[in-house]
Amino acid sequence: MRTENPPSPVSPKVPRSRSWLSGIAAKSALVIGLSLFGAGAVVAPAQAANPHERGPDPTERSVTASRGHLDTDTTSVSSFVSGFGGGTIYHPTNTDEGTYGGVVIAPGYTASSTSMSWYGHRIASQGFVVFTIDTNTRYDQPDSRGRQLDSALDYLVDRSDVRGMVDEDRLAVMGHSMGGGGTLAIAEDRPELRAAIPLTPWHLQKRWGDLETPTLIIGAENDSVASVRSHSIPMYESLDRSLDSAYLELRGASHFAPNYSNTTIAKYSISWLKRFVDDDVRYDQFLCPPPRTGFGTDFSDYRDTCPHGG
């Protein structure tokens, strides 16, 4: 573990649009190009593969494993950093694969970054740089947590010791409870983000129709703090129907389910990040068609806007 060094210059953030269909279109273009080449036609050179794909072809076993294909290490960030309360960066040790997408994760009300620590190595070992942050105070409200996620994103790509391995155009946010509310808030304010994953989110605002970032909301059936009926479900239903989005509800789970290692949360979070941060269509298989719900499954509810299933 090492401690962070000071700053380097800030680079501009460039928004871009994304959809499930973009990956399908890219693959179709490649197939057509190869067919024309085989028929003797002259075609312009095409990129043969997605440059952001990391790792072998995914399987059910690989997305549910406690560790992915990469070795990881950690870097400690001081609480004296400006804009948020410090935290821990989890990152691959292998730099041969190029840069990685960055994911910043905020804890819930009264909690510290340790409540989110189980996501660190698990997600980073799949090919991401993961930053679990502490907030300025444990009592910060959702919008404040959103601003702190924003500051942490900028810190990760501009000033952190691992900034050279983070692709500033492929960033995502996650957060639990009020951190989940902050996740929605910063995703609305920063539409160039590739993915947002609010975990049992809490926010007084329930309507997020202006949000443009692909969003996976994870709720808990027995949540007595941020009831799915008053938080997760209305938040999800308020999203624009053209947005790539999904709502996953954990059967029999409480508000604090995201604070503990959970294979279902990991599987769908990793798949969502892979699909939208890395544009890796190999992970469509875990998101679409949607999983079964009902007795004997992990889900009490699941909704999505998947265009080729569901």
C-alpha atoms as a PDB file:
ATOM      1  CA  MET A   1       0.000   0.000   0.000  1.00  0.00           C
ATOM      2  CA  ARG A   2       1.298   3.483  -0.814  1.00  0.00           C
ATOM      3  CA  THR A   3       0.227   7.063  -0.172  1.00  0.00           C
ATOM      4  CA  GLU A   4      -0.856   9.476  -2.885  1.00  0.00           C
ATOM      5  CA  ASN A   5       1.318  12.151  -4.429  1.00  0.00           C
ATOM      6  CA  PRO A   6       0.204  15.645  -5.476  1.00  0.00           C
ATOM      7  CA  PRO A   7      -1.412  16.921  -8.600  1.00  0.00           C
ATOM      8  CA  SER A   8      -0.978  17.008 -12.351  1.00  0.00           C
ATOM      9  CA  PRO A   9      -2.974  19.128 -14.871  1.00  0.00           C
ATOM     10  CA  VAL A  10      -6.700  18.625 -15.435  1.00  0.00           C
ATOM     11  CA  SER A  11      -7.915  17.205 -18.768  1.00  0.00           C
ATOM     12  CA  PRO A  12     -11.322  18.106 -20.254  1.00  0.00           C
ATOM     13  CA  LYS A  13     -14.231  15.683 -20.014  1.00  0.00           C
ATOM     14  CA  VAL A  14     -15.979  14.920 -23.326  1.00  0.00           C
ATOM     15  CA  PRO A  15     -19.581  13.658 -23.253  1.00  0.00           C
ATOM     16  CA  ARG A  16     -20.662  10.863 -25.569  1.00  0.00           C
ATOM     17  CA  SER A  17     -23.845   8.909 -26.169  1.00  0.00           C
ATOM     18  CA  ARG A  18     -24.158   5.170 -25.697  1.00  0.00           C
ATOM     19  CA  SER A  19     -26.773   2.426 -26.084  1.00  0.00           C
ATOM     20  CA  TRP A  20     -27.145  -1.343 -26.013  1.00  0.00           C
ATOM     21  CA  LEU A  21     -27.523  -1.268 -29.792  1.00  0.00           C
ATOM     22  CA  SER A  22     -24.138   0.382 -30.420  1.00  0.00           C
ATOM     23  CA  GLY A  23     -22.264  -2.823 -29.615  1.00  0.00           C
ATOM     24  CA  ILE A  24     -24.592  -4.875 -31.793  1.00  0.00           C
ATOM     25  CA  ALA A  25     -24.148  -2.395 -34.665  1.00  0.00           C
ATOM     26  CA  ALA A  26     -20.361  -2.573 -34.330  1.00  0.00           C
ATOM     27  CA  LYS A  27     -20.383  -6.363 -34.492  1.00  0.00           C
ATOM     28  CA  SER A  28     -22.730  -6.298 -37.505  1.00  0.00           C
ATOM     29  CA  ALA A  29     -20.423  -3.878 -39.310  1.00  0.00           C
ATOM     30  CA  LEU A  30     -17.491  -6.179 -38.667  1.00  0.00           C
ATOM     31  CA  VAL A  31     -19.366  -9.220 -40.027  1.00  0.00           C
ATOM     32  CA  ILE A  32     -20.404  -7.307 -43.177  1.00  0.00           C
ATOM     33  CA  GLY A  33     -16.825  -6.090 -43.660  1.00  0.00           C
ATOM     34  CA  LEU A  34     -15.426  -9.599 -43.393  1.00  0.00           C
ATOM     35  CA  SER A  35     -18.068 -10.932 -45.808  1.00  0.00           C
ATOM     36  CA  LEU A  36     -17.188  -8.286 -48.394  1.00  0.00           C
ATOM     37  CA  PHE A  37     -13.496  -9.003 -47.987  1.00  0.00           C
ATOM     38  CA  GLY A  38     -14.134 -12.717 -48.552  1.00  0.00           C
ATOM     39  CA  ALA A  39     -16.091 -11.887 -51.702  1.00  0.00           C
ATOM     40  CA  GLY A  40     -13.145  -9.960 -53.108  1.00  0.00           C
ATOM     41  CA  ALA A  41     -14.593  -6.482 -52.547  1.00  0.00           C
ATOM     42  CA  VAL A  42     -12.319  -3.632 -51.529  1.00  0.00           C
ATOM     43  CA  VAL A  43     -13.299  -2.332 -48.098  1.00  0.00           C
ATOM     44  CA  ALA A  44     -11.861   0.237 -45.724  1.00  0.00           C
ATOM     45  CA  PRO A  45      -9.863  -1.169 -42.816  1.00  0.00           C
ATOM     46  CA  ALA A  46     -12.004  -1.856 -39.738  1.00  0.00           C
ATOM     47  CA  GLN A  47     -11.143  -2.303 -36.103  1.00  0.00           C
ATOM     48  CA  ALA A  48     -11.263  -6.045 -35.528  1.00  0.00           C
ATOM     49  CA  ALA A  49     -12.103  -5.987 -31.839  1.00  0.00           C
ATOM     50  CA  ASN A  50     -13.272  -3.720 -29.054  1.00  0.00           C
ATOM     51  CA  PRO A  51     -10.064  -2.175 -27.629  1.00  0.00           C
ATOM     52  CA  HIS A  52     -11.647  -1.958 -24.176  1.00  0.00           C
ATOM     53  CA  GLU A  53     -12.338  -5.667 -23.750  1.00  0.00           C
ATOM     54  CA  ARG A  54     -10.369  -7.051 -20.852  1.00  0.00           C
ATOM     55  CA  GLY A  55      -9.923 -10.721 -20.010  1.00  0.00           C
ATOM     56  CA  PRO A  56     -11.141 -14.014 -21.449  1.00  0.00           C
ATOM     57  CA  ASP A  57     -14.679 -14.649 -22.626  1.00  0.00           C
ATOM     58  CA  PRO A  58     -16.920 -14.344 -19.552  1.00  0.00           C
ATOM     59  CA  THR A  59     -18.805 -17.257 -18.027  1.00  0.00           C
ATOM     60  CA  GLU A  60     -21.231 -17.608 -15.133  1.00  0.00           C
ATOM     61  CA  ARG A  61     -18.292 -18.797 -13.078  1.00  0.00           C
ATOM     62  CA  SER A  62     -16.089 -15.822 -13.966  1.00  0.00           C
ATOM     63  CA  VAL A  63     -18.689 -13.139 -13.147  1.00  0.00           C
ATOM     64  CA  THR A  64     -19.568 -14.745  -9.819  1.00  0.00           C
ATOM     65  CA  ALA A  65     -15.979 -15.433  -8.716  1.00  0.00           C
ATOM     66  CA  SER A  66     -14.610 -13.593  -5.690  1.00  0.00           C
ATOM     67  CA  ARG A  67     -11.633 -12.518  -7.858  1.00  0.00           C
ATOM     68  CA  GLY A  68     -11.242 -11.967 -11.583  1.00  0.00           C
ATOM     69  CA  HIS A  69      -8.320 -12.719 -13.898  1.00  0.00           C
ATOM     70  CA  LEU A  70      -6.102  -9.810 -12.771  1.00  0.00           C
ATOM     71  CA  ASP A  71      -3.900  -9.386  -9.704  1.00  0.00           C
ATOM     72  CA  THR A  72      -4.640  -6.175  -7.796  1.00  0.00           C
ATOM     73  CA  ASP A  73      -3.033  -3.798  -5.342  1.00  0.00           C
ATOM     74  CA  THR A  74      -4.188  -0.819  -3.259  1.00  0.00           C
ATOM     75  CA  THR A  75      -3.212   2.823  -2.881  1.00  0.00           C
ATOM     76  CA  SER A  76      -4.246   4.853   0.153  1.00  0.00           C
ATOM     77  CA  VAL A  77      -5.595   8.400  -0.297  1.00  0.00           C
ATOM     78  CA  SER A  78      -5.208  10.821   2.602  1.00  0.00           C
ATOM     79  CA  SER A  79      -8.232  12.310   4.345  1.00  0.00           C
ATOM     80  CA  PHE A  80      -6.588  15.725   3.833  1.00  0.00           C
ATOM     81  CA  VAL A  81      -7.362  15.611   0.118  1.00  0.00           C
ATOM     82  CA  SER A  82      -9.683  18.384  -1.081  1.00  0.00           C
ATOM     83  CA  GLY A  83     -13.343  17.757  -1.976  1.00  0.00           C
ATOM     84  CA  PHE A  84     -13.977  14.445  -0.201  1.00  0.00           C
ATOM     85  CA  GLY A  85     -12.631  12.435   2.729  1.00  0.00           C
ATOM     86  CA  GLY A  86      -9.930  10.267   1.163  1.00  0.00           C
ATOM     87  CA  GLY A  87     -10.241   6.515   0.713  1.00  0.00           C
ATOM     88  CA  THR A  88      -8.634   3.521  -0.991  1.00  0.00           C
ATOM     89  CA  ILE A  89      -7.909   2.893  -4.671  1.00  0.00           C
ATOM     90  CA  TYR A  90      -7.930  -0.738  -5.844  1.00  0.00           C
ATOM     91  CA  HIS A  91      -6.229  -1.292  -9.171  1.00  0.00           C
ATOM     92  CA  PRO A  92      -4.833  -4.030 -11.420  1.00  0.00           C
ATOM     93  CA  THR A  93      -1.073  -4.537 -11.222  1.00  0.00           C
ATOM     94  CA  ASN A  94      -0.943  -5.452 -14.921  1.00  0.00           C
ATOM     95  CA  THR A  95      -0.487  -2.449 -17.212  1.00  0.00           C
ATOM     96  CA  ASP A  96       0.004  -4.521 -20.379  1.00  0.00           C
ATOM     97  CA  GLU A  97      -3.713  -4.445 -21.209  1.00  0.00           C
ATOM     98  CA  GLY A  98      -3.786  -0.654 -21.566  1.00  0.00           C
ATOM     99  CA  THR A  99      -5.915   1.719 -19.514  1.00  0.00           C
ATOM    100  CA  TYR A 100      -8.939   0.722 -17.420  1.00  0.00           C
ATOM    101  CA  GLY A 101     -12.285   2.279 -16.693  1.00  0.00           C
ATOM    102  CA  GLY A 102     -12.591   4.025 -13.322  1.00  0.00           C
ATOM    103  CA  VAL A 103     -15.322   3.398 -10.733  1.00  0.00           C
ATOM    104  CA  VAL A 104     -15.833   5.604  -7.652  1.00  0.00           C
ATOM    105  CA  ILE A 105     -17.982   4.230  -4.816  1.00  0.00           C
ATOM    106  CA  ALA A 106     -19.552   6.216  -1.955  1.00  0.00           C
ATOM    107  CA  PRO A 107     -20.775   4.790   1.380  1.00  0.00           C
ATOM    108  CA  GLY A 108     -24.117   5.412   3.044  1.00  0.00           C
ATOM    109  CA  TYR A 109     -25.164   7.687   5.901  1.00  0.00           C
ATOM    110  CA  THR A 110     -22.877   7.337   8.978  1.00  0.00           C
ATOM    111  CA  ALA A 111     -20.780   4.675   7.181  1.00  0.00           C
ATOM    112  CA  SER A 112     -17.139   4.770   6.095  1.00  0.00           C
ATOM    113  CA  SER A 113     -15.415   3.475   2.982  1.00  0.00           C
ATOM    114  CA  THR A 114     -14.790   0.159   4.763  1.00  0.00           C
ATOM    115  CA  SER A 115     -18.485  -0.669   4.274  1.00  0.00           C
ATOM    116  CA  MET A 116     -17.787  -0.668   0.524  1.00  0.00           C
ATOM    117  CA  SER A 117     -14.366  -2.327   0.673  1.00  0.00           C
ATOM    118  CA  TRP A 118     -15.564  -5.741  -0.547  1.00  0.00           C
ATOM    119  CA  TYR A 119     -16.215  -4.245  -3.994  1.00  0.00           C
ATOM    120  CA  GLY A 120     -12.586  -3.120  -4.303  1.00  0.00           C
ATOM    121  CA  HIS A 121     -10.500  -6.134  -5.272  1.00  0.00           C
ATOM    122  CA  ARG A 122     -13.536  -7.980  -6.642  1.00  0.00           C
ATOM    123  CA  ILE A 123     -14.324  -5.379  -9.312  1.00  0.00           C
ATOM    124  CA  ALA A 124     -10.730  -4.213  -9.890  1.00  0.00           C
ATOM    125  CA  SER A 125      -9.597  -7.780 -10.640  1.00  0.00           C
ATOM    126  CA  GLN A 126     -12.104  -7.829 -13.518  1.00  0.00           C
ATOM    127  CA  GLY A 127     -10.341  -4.899 -15.184  1.00  0.00           C
ATOM    128  CA  PHE A 128     -11.260  -1.617 -13.468  1.00  0.00           C
ATOM    129  CA  VAL A 129      -9.682   0.952 -11.185  1.00  0.00           C
ATOM    130  CA  VAL A 130     -11.996   1.166  -8.161  1.00  0.00           C
ATOM    131  CA  PHE A 131     -11.971   4.032  -5.650  1.00  0.00           C
ATOM    132  CA  THR A 132     -13.934   3.540  -2.423  1.00  0.00           C
ATOM    133  CA  ILE A 133     -14.167   6.939  -0.758  1.00  0.00           C
ATOM    134  CA  ASP A 134     -14.861   8.395   2.653  1.00  0.00           C
ATOM    135  CA  THR A 135     -17.097  11.444   2.816  1.00  0.00           C
ATOM    136  CA  ASN A 136     -16.184  14.728   4.487  1.00  0.00           C
ATOM    137  CA  THR A 137     -18.459  13.820   7.388  1.00  0.00           C
ATOM    138  CA  ARG A 138     -20.466  10.669   7.992  1.00  0.00           C
ATOM    139  CA  TYR A 139     -23.656  12.746   8.061  1.00  0.00           C
ATOM    140  CA  ASP A 140     -23.373  14.294   4.589  1.00  0.00           C
ATOM    141  CA  GLN A 141     -26.630  14.268   2.614  1.00  0.00           C
ATOM    142  CA  PRO A 142     -27.083  12.709  -0.863  1.00  0.00           C
ATOM    143  CA  ASP A 143     -26.369  15.811  -2.965  1.00  0.00           C
ATOM    144  CA  SER A 144     -23.215  16.462  -0.958  1.00  0.00           C
ATOM    145  CA  ARG A 145     -22.162  12.853  -1.510  1.00  0.00           C
ATOM    146  CA  GLY A 146     -22.783  13.361  -5.225  1.00  0.00           C
ATOM    147  CA  ARG A 147     -20.484  16.374  -5.285  1.00  0.00           C
ATOM    148  CA  GLN A 148     -17.859  14.368  -3.421  1.00  0.00           C
ATOM    149  CA  LEU A 149     -18.144  11.542  -5.968  1.00  0.00           C
ATOM    150  CA  ASP A 150     -17.554  14.205  -8.611  1.00  0.00           C
ATOM    151  CA  SER A 151     -14.423  15.472  -6.833  1.00  0.00           C
ATOM    152  CA  ALA A 152     -13.162  11.919  -6.387  1.00  0.00           C
ATOM    153  CA  LEU A 153     -13.611  11.168 -10.102  1.00  0.00           C
ATOM    154  CA  ASP A 154     -11.525  14.211 -10.978  1.00  0.00           C
ATOM    155  CA  TYR A 155      -8.920  13.265  -8.393  1.00  0.00           C
ATOM    156  CA  LEU A 156      -8.704   9.724  -9.741  1.00  0.00           C
ATOM    157  CA  VAL A 157      -7.974  10.781 -13.322  1.00  0.00           C
ATOM    158  CA  ASP A 158      -6.018  13.982 -12.701  1.00  0.00           C
ATOM    159  CA  ARG A 159      -4.047  13.676  -9.479  1.00  0.00           C
ATOM    160  CA  SER A 160      -3.921  10.109  -8.173  1.00  0.00           C
ATOM    161  CA  ASP A 161      -0.809   7.938  -8.299  1.00  0.00           C
ATOM    162  CA  VAL A 162      -2.648   5.588 -10.690  1.00  0.00           C
ATOM    163  CA  ARG A 163      -3.947   8.283 -13.046  1.00  0.00           C
ATOM    164  CA  GLY A 164      -1.876   6.872 -15.908  1.00  0.00           C
ATOM    165  CA  MET A 165      -3.867   3.637 -15.927  1.00  0.00           C
ATOM    166  CA  VAL A 166      -7.345   5.274 -15.815  1.00  0.00           C
ATOM    167  CA  ASP A 167      -9.236   6.140 -19.010  1.00  0.00           C
ATOM    168  CA  GLU A 168     -10.880   9.487 -18.241  1.00  0.00           C
ATOM    169  CA  ASP A 169     -13.550   8.846 -20.881  1.00  0.00           C
ATOM    170  CA  ARG A 170     -14.717   5.613 -19.209  1.00  0.00           C
ATOM    171  CA  LEU A 171     -15.897   6.476 -15.716  1.00  0.00           C
ATOM    172  CA  ALA A 172     -18.705   5.189 -13.494  1.00  0.00           C
ATOM    173  CA  VAL A 173     -20.161   5.757 -10.037  1.00  0.00           C
ATOM    174  CA  MET A 174     -21.731   3.540  -7.396  1.00  0.00           C
ATOM    175  CA  GLY A 175     -23.017   4.238  -3.905  1.00  0.00           C
ATOM    176  CA  HIS A 176     -25.043   2.830  -1.033  1.00  0.00           C
ATOM    177  CA  SER A 177     -28.104   4.451   0.567  1.00  0.00           C
ATOM    178  CA  MET A 178     -27.439   8.225   0.639  1.00  0.00           C
ATOM    179  CA  GLY A 179     -24.372   7.365  -1.427  1.00  0.00           C
ATOM    180  CA  GLY A 180     -26.815   5.787  -3.886  1.00  0.00           C
ATOM    181  CA  GLY A 181     -28.821   9.009  -3.894  1.00  0.00           C
ATOM    182  CA  GLY A 182     -25.566  10.855  -4.531  1.00  0.00           C
ATOM    183  CA  THR A 183     -24.855   8.438  -7.390  1.00  0.00           C
ATOM    184  CA  LEU A 184     -28.099   9.484  -9.103  1.00  0.00           C
ATOM    185  CA  ALA A 185     -27.361  13.157  -8.441  1.00  0.00           C
ATOM    186  CA  ILE A 186     -23.886  13.172  -9.965  1.00  0.00           C
ATOM    187  CA  ALA A 187     -24.983  10.974 -12.892  1.00  0.00           C
ATOM    188  CA  GLU A 188     -27.644  13.578 -13.689  1.00  0.00           C
ATOM    189  CA  ASP A 189     -25.104  16.414 -13.433  1.00  0.00           C
ATOM    190  CA  ARG A 190     -22.345  14.579 -15.309  1.00  0.00           C
ATOM    191  CA  PRO A 191     -24.047  12.854 -18.269  1.00  0.00           C
ATOM    192  CA  GLU A 192     -20.759  11.722 -19.828  1.00  0.00           C
ATOM    193  CA  LEU A 193     -20.462   9.046 -17.130  1.00  0.00           C
ATOM    194  CA  ARG A 194     -20.655   5.567 -18.632  1.00  0.00           C
ATOM    195  CA  ALA A 195     -22.588   3.834 -15.842  1.00  0.00           C
ATOM    196  CA  ALA A 196     -24.302   4.457 -12.503  1.00  0.00           C
ATOM    197  CA  ILE A 197     -25.229   1.814  -9.922  1.00  0.00           C
ATOM    198  CA  PRO A 198     -27.234   3.127  -6.935  1.00  0.00           C
ATOM    199  CA  LEU A 199     -27.427   0.461  -4.196  1.00  0.00           C
ATOM    200  CA  THR A 200     -30.615   0.617  -2.054  1.00  0.00           C
ATOM    201  CA  PRO A 201     -30.612   4.368  -2.790  1.00  0.00           C
ATOM    202  CA  TRP A 202     -32.079   7.053  -0.519  1.00  0.00           C
ATOM    203  CA  HIS A 203     -32.909  10.539  -1.766  1.00  0.00           C
ATOM    204  CA  LEU A 204     -35.781  12.955  -1.212  1.00  0.00           C
ATOM    205  CA  GLN A 205     -35.904  13.457  -4.974  1.00  0.00           C
ATOM    206  CA  LYS A 206     -37.712  10.579  -6.659  1.00  0.00           C
ATOM    207  CA  ARG A 207     -37.823  11.719 -10.280  1.00  0.00           C
ATOM    208  CA  TRP A 208     -34.713  11.365 -12.450  1.00  0.00           C
ATOM    209  CA  GLY A 209     -36.105  11.730 -15.962  1.00  0.00           C
ATOM    210  CA  ASP A 210     -33.201  13.920 -17.149  1.00  0.00           C
ATOM    211  CA  LEU A 211     -30.584  11.291 -16.336  1.00  0.00           C
ATOM    212  CA  GLU A 212     -28.660  10.107 -19.432  1.00  0.00           C
ATOM    213  CA  THR A 213     -26.224   7.614 -17.892  1.00  0.00           C
ATOM    214  CA  PRO A 214     -26.993   3.863 -18.184  1.00  0.00           C
ATOM    215  CA  THR A 215     -28.309   3.067 -14.698  1.00  0.00           C
ATOM    216  CA  LEU A 216     -28.751  -0.140 -12.721  1.00  0.00           C
ATOM    217  CA  ILE A 217     -30.719   0.394  -9.494  1.00  0.00           C
ATOM    218  CA  ILE A 218     -30.414  -2.368  -6.897  1.00  0.00           C
ATOM    219  CA  GLY A 219     -33.164  -2.478  -4.273  1.00  0.00           C
ATOM    220  CA  ALA A 220     -33.866  -4.814  -1.352  1.00  0.00           C
ATOM    221  CA  GLU A 221     -37.272  -6.413  -0.779  1.00  0.00           C
ATOM    222  CA  ASN A 222     -37.255  -5.940   3.015  1.00  0.00           C
ATOM    223  CA  ASP A 223     -35.622  -2.505   3.094  1.00  0.00           C
ATOM    224  CA  SER A 224     -37.106  -0.604   6.044  1.00  0.00           C
ATOM    225  CA  VAL A 225     -34.812   2.436   5.655  1.00  0.00           C
ATOM    226  CA  ALA A 226     -35.288   3.238   1.955  1.00  0.00           C
ATOM    227  CA  SER A 227     -38.380   1.215   1.123  1.00  0.00           C
ATOM    228  CA  VAL A 228     -38.379   0.098  -2.505  1.00  0.00           C
ATOM    229  CA  ARG A 229     -41.947   1.402  -2.825  1.00  0.00           C
ATOM    230  CA  SER A 230     -40.896   4.930  -1.898  1.00  0.00           C
ATOM    231  CA  HIS A 231     -37.341   4.986  -3.252  1.00  0.00           C
ATOM    232  CA  SER A 232     -35.879   2.424  -5.688  1.00  0.00           C
ATOM    233  CA  ILE A 233     -39.030   1.649  -7.690  1.00  0.00           C
ATOM    234  CA  PRO A 234     -40.261   5.234  -8.223  1.00  0.00           C
ATOM    235  CA  MET A 235     -36.691   6.278  -9.002  1.00  0.00           C
ATOM    236  CA  TYR A 236     -36.389   3.554 -11.618  1.00  0.00           C
ATOM    237  CA  GLU A 237     -39.835   4.187 -13.087  1.00  0.00           C
ATOM    238  CA  SER A 238     -39.019   7.899 -13.457  1.00  0.00           C
ATOM    239  CA  LEU A 239     -36.099   7.193 -15.788  1.00  0.00           C
ATOM    240  CA  ASP A 240     -36.620   7.897 -19.483  1.00  0.00           C
ATOM    241  CA  ARG A 241     -37.755   4.716 -21.238  1.00  0.00           C
ATOM    242  CA  SER A 242     -35.123   5.224 -23.947  1.00  0.00           C
ATOM    243  CA  LEU A 243     -32.358   5.018 -21.353  1.00  0.00           C
ATOM    244  CA  ASP A 244     -30.438   1.763 -20.879  1.00  0.00           C
ATOM    245  CA  SER A 245     -31.592   0.891 -17.360  1.00  0.00           C
ATOM    246  CA  ALA A 246     -32.515  -1.968 -15.061  1.00  0.00           C
ATOM    247  CA  TYR A 247     -34.013  -2.476 -11.618  1.00  0.00           C
ATOM    248  CA  LEU A 248     -32.912  -5.495  -9.597  1.00  0.00           C
ATOM    249  CA  GLU A 249     -34.632  -6.276  -6.286  1.00  0.00           C
ATOM    250  CA  LEU A 250     -32.910  -8.682  -3.896  1.00  0.00           C
ATOM    251  CA  ARG A 251     -35.316 -11.235  -2.433  1.00  0.00           C
ATOM    252  CA  GLY A 252     -35.616 -11.116   1.367  1.00  0.00           C
ATOM    253  CA  ALA A 253     -32.754  -8.612   1.707  1.00  0.00           C
ATOM    254  CA  SER A 254     -32.433  -5.597   3.989  1.00  0.00           C
ATOM    255  CA  HIS A 255     -31.226  -2.056   3.351  1.00  0.00           C
ATOM    256  CA  PHE A 256     -27.718  -3.089   4.389  1.00  0.00           C
ATOM    257  CA  ALA A 257     -27.318  -6.009   1.962  1.00  0.00           C
ATOM    258  CA  PRO A 258     -24.870  -3.981  -0.216  1.00  0.00           C
ATOM    259  CA  ASN A 259     -22.495  -3.632   2.759  1.00  0.00           C
ATOM    260  CA  TYR A 260     -21.599  -7.324   2.694  1.00  0.00           C
ATOM    261  CA  SER A 261     -20.110  -9.554   0.032  1.00  0.00           C
ATOM    262  CA  ASN A 262     -23.001 -10.563  -2.215  1.00  0.00           C
ATOM    263  CA  THR A 263     -22.604 -12.692  -5.335  1.00  0.00           C
ATOM    264  CA  THR A 264     -25.780 -11.390  -7.000  1.00  0.00           C
ATOM    265  CA  ILE A 265     -24.805  -7.744  -6.534  1.00  0.00           C
ATOM    266  CA  ALA A 266     -21.290  -8.507  -7.767  1.00  0.00           C
ATOM    267  CA  LYS A 267     -22.440 -10.425 -10.843  1.00  0.00           C
ATOM    268  CA  TYR A 268     -24.838  -7.749 -12.065  1.00  0.00           C
ATOM    269  CA  SER A 269     -22.618  -4.809 -11.105  1.00  0.00           C
ATOM    270  CA  ILE A 270     -19.620  -6.295 -12.927  1.00  0.00           C
ATOM    271  CA  SER A 271     -21.761  -7.140 -15.967  1.00  0.00           C
ATOM    272  CA  TRP A 272     -23.254  -3.625 -16.029  1.00  0.00           C
ATOM    273  CA  LEU A 273     -19.835  -1.979 -15.743  1.00  0.00           C
ATOM    274  CA  LYS A 274     -18.346  -4.260 -18.385  1.00  0.00           C
ATOM    275  CA  ARG A 275     -21.226  -3.627 -20.760  1.00  0.00           C
ATOM    276  CA  PHE A 276     -21.346   0.145 -20.464  1.00  0.00           C
ATOM    277  CA  VAL A 277     -17.920   1.279 -19.259  1.00  0.00           C
ATOM    278  CA  ASP A 278     -16.035  -1.109 -21.560  1.00  0.00           C
ATOM    279  CA  ASP A 279     -18.714  -1.427 -24.295  1.00  0.00           C
ATOM    280  CA  ASP A 280     -18.157  -5.161 -23.938  1.00  0.00           C
ATOM    281  CA  VAL A 281     -21.154  -6.882 -25.544  1.00  0.00           C
ATOM    282  CA  ARG A 282     -19.919 -10.268 -24.322  1.00  0.00           C
ATOM    283  CA  TYR A 283     -21.681  -9.395 -21.046  1.00  0.00           C
ATOM    284  CA  ASP A 284     -25.112  -8.920 -22.650  1.00  0.00           C
ATOM    285  CA  GLN A 285     -25.770 -12.587 -21.869  1.00  0.00           C
ATOM    286  CA  PHE A 286     -25.946 -11.839 -18.123  1.00  0.00           C
ATOM    287  CA  LEU A 287     -28.280  -8.853 -18.492  1.00  0.00           C
ATOM    288  CA  CYS A 288     -30.592  -9.736 -21.328  1.00  0.00           C
ATOM    289  CA  PRO A 289     -32.957 -11.540 -21.397  1.00  0.00           C
ATOM    290  CA  PRO A 290     -33.652 -10.665 -17.753  1.00  0.00           C
ATOM    291  CA  PRO A 291     -33.406 -13.269 -14.976  1.00  0.00           C
ATOM    292  CA  ARG A 292     -36.446 -15.101 -13.640  1.00  0.00           C
ATOM    293  CA  THR A 293     -38.144 -13.721 -10.560  1.00  0.00           C
ATOM    294  CA  GLY A 294     -40.315 -15.457  -7.998  1.00  0.00           C
ATOM    295  CA  PHE A 295     -40.037 -18.162  -5.403  1.00  0.00           C
ATOM    296  CA  GLY A 296     -36.705 -19.977  -5.431  1.00  0.00           C
ATOM    297  CA  THR A 297     -34.821 -17.182  -7.218  1.00  0.00           C
ATOM    298  CA  ASP A 298     -32.571 -14.402  -5.912  1.00  0.00           C
ATOM    299  CA  PHE A 299     -34.988 -11.749  -7.193  1.00  0.00           C
ATOM    300  CA  SER A 300     -38.302 -10.477  -5.880  1.00  0.00           C
ATOM    301  CA  ASP A 301     -38.495  -8.087  -8.857  1.00  0.00           C
ATOM    302  CA  TYR A 302     -36.513  -7.291 -11.990  1.00  0.00           C
ATOM    303  CA  ARG A 303     -37.323  -4.689 -14.635  1.00  0.00           C
ATOM    304  CA  ASP A 304     -35.311  -3.409 -17.590  1.00  0.00           C
ATOM    305  CA  THR A 305     -35.354  -1.687 -20.956  1.00  0.00           C
ATOM    306  CA  CYS A 306     -33.446  -4.469 -22.695  1.00  0.00           C
ATOM    307  CA  PRO A 307     -34.264  -4.065 -26.419  1.00  0.00           C
ATOM    308  CA  HIS A 308     -33.598  -7.667 -27.452  1.00  0.00           C
ATOM    309  CA  GLY A 309     -35.373  -9.556 -24.679  1.00  0.00           C
ATOM    310  CA  GLY A 310     -37.500  -9.155 -21.558  1.00  0.00           C
END
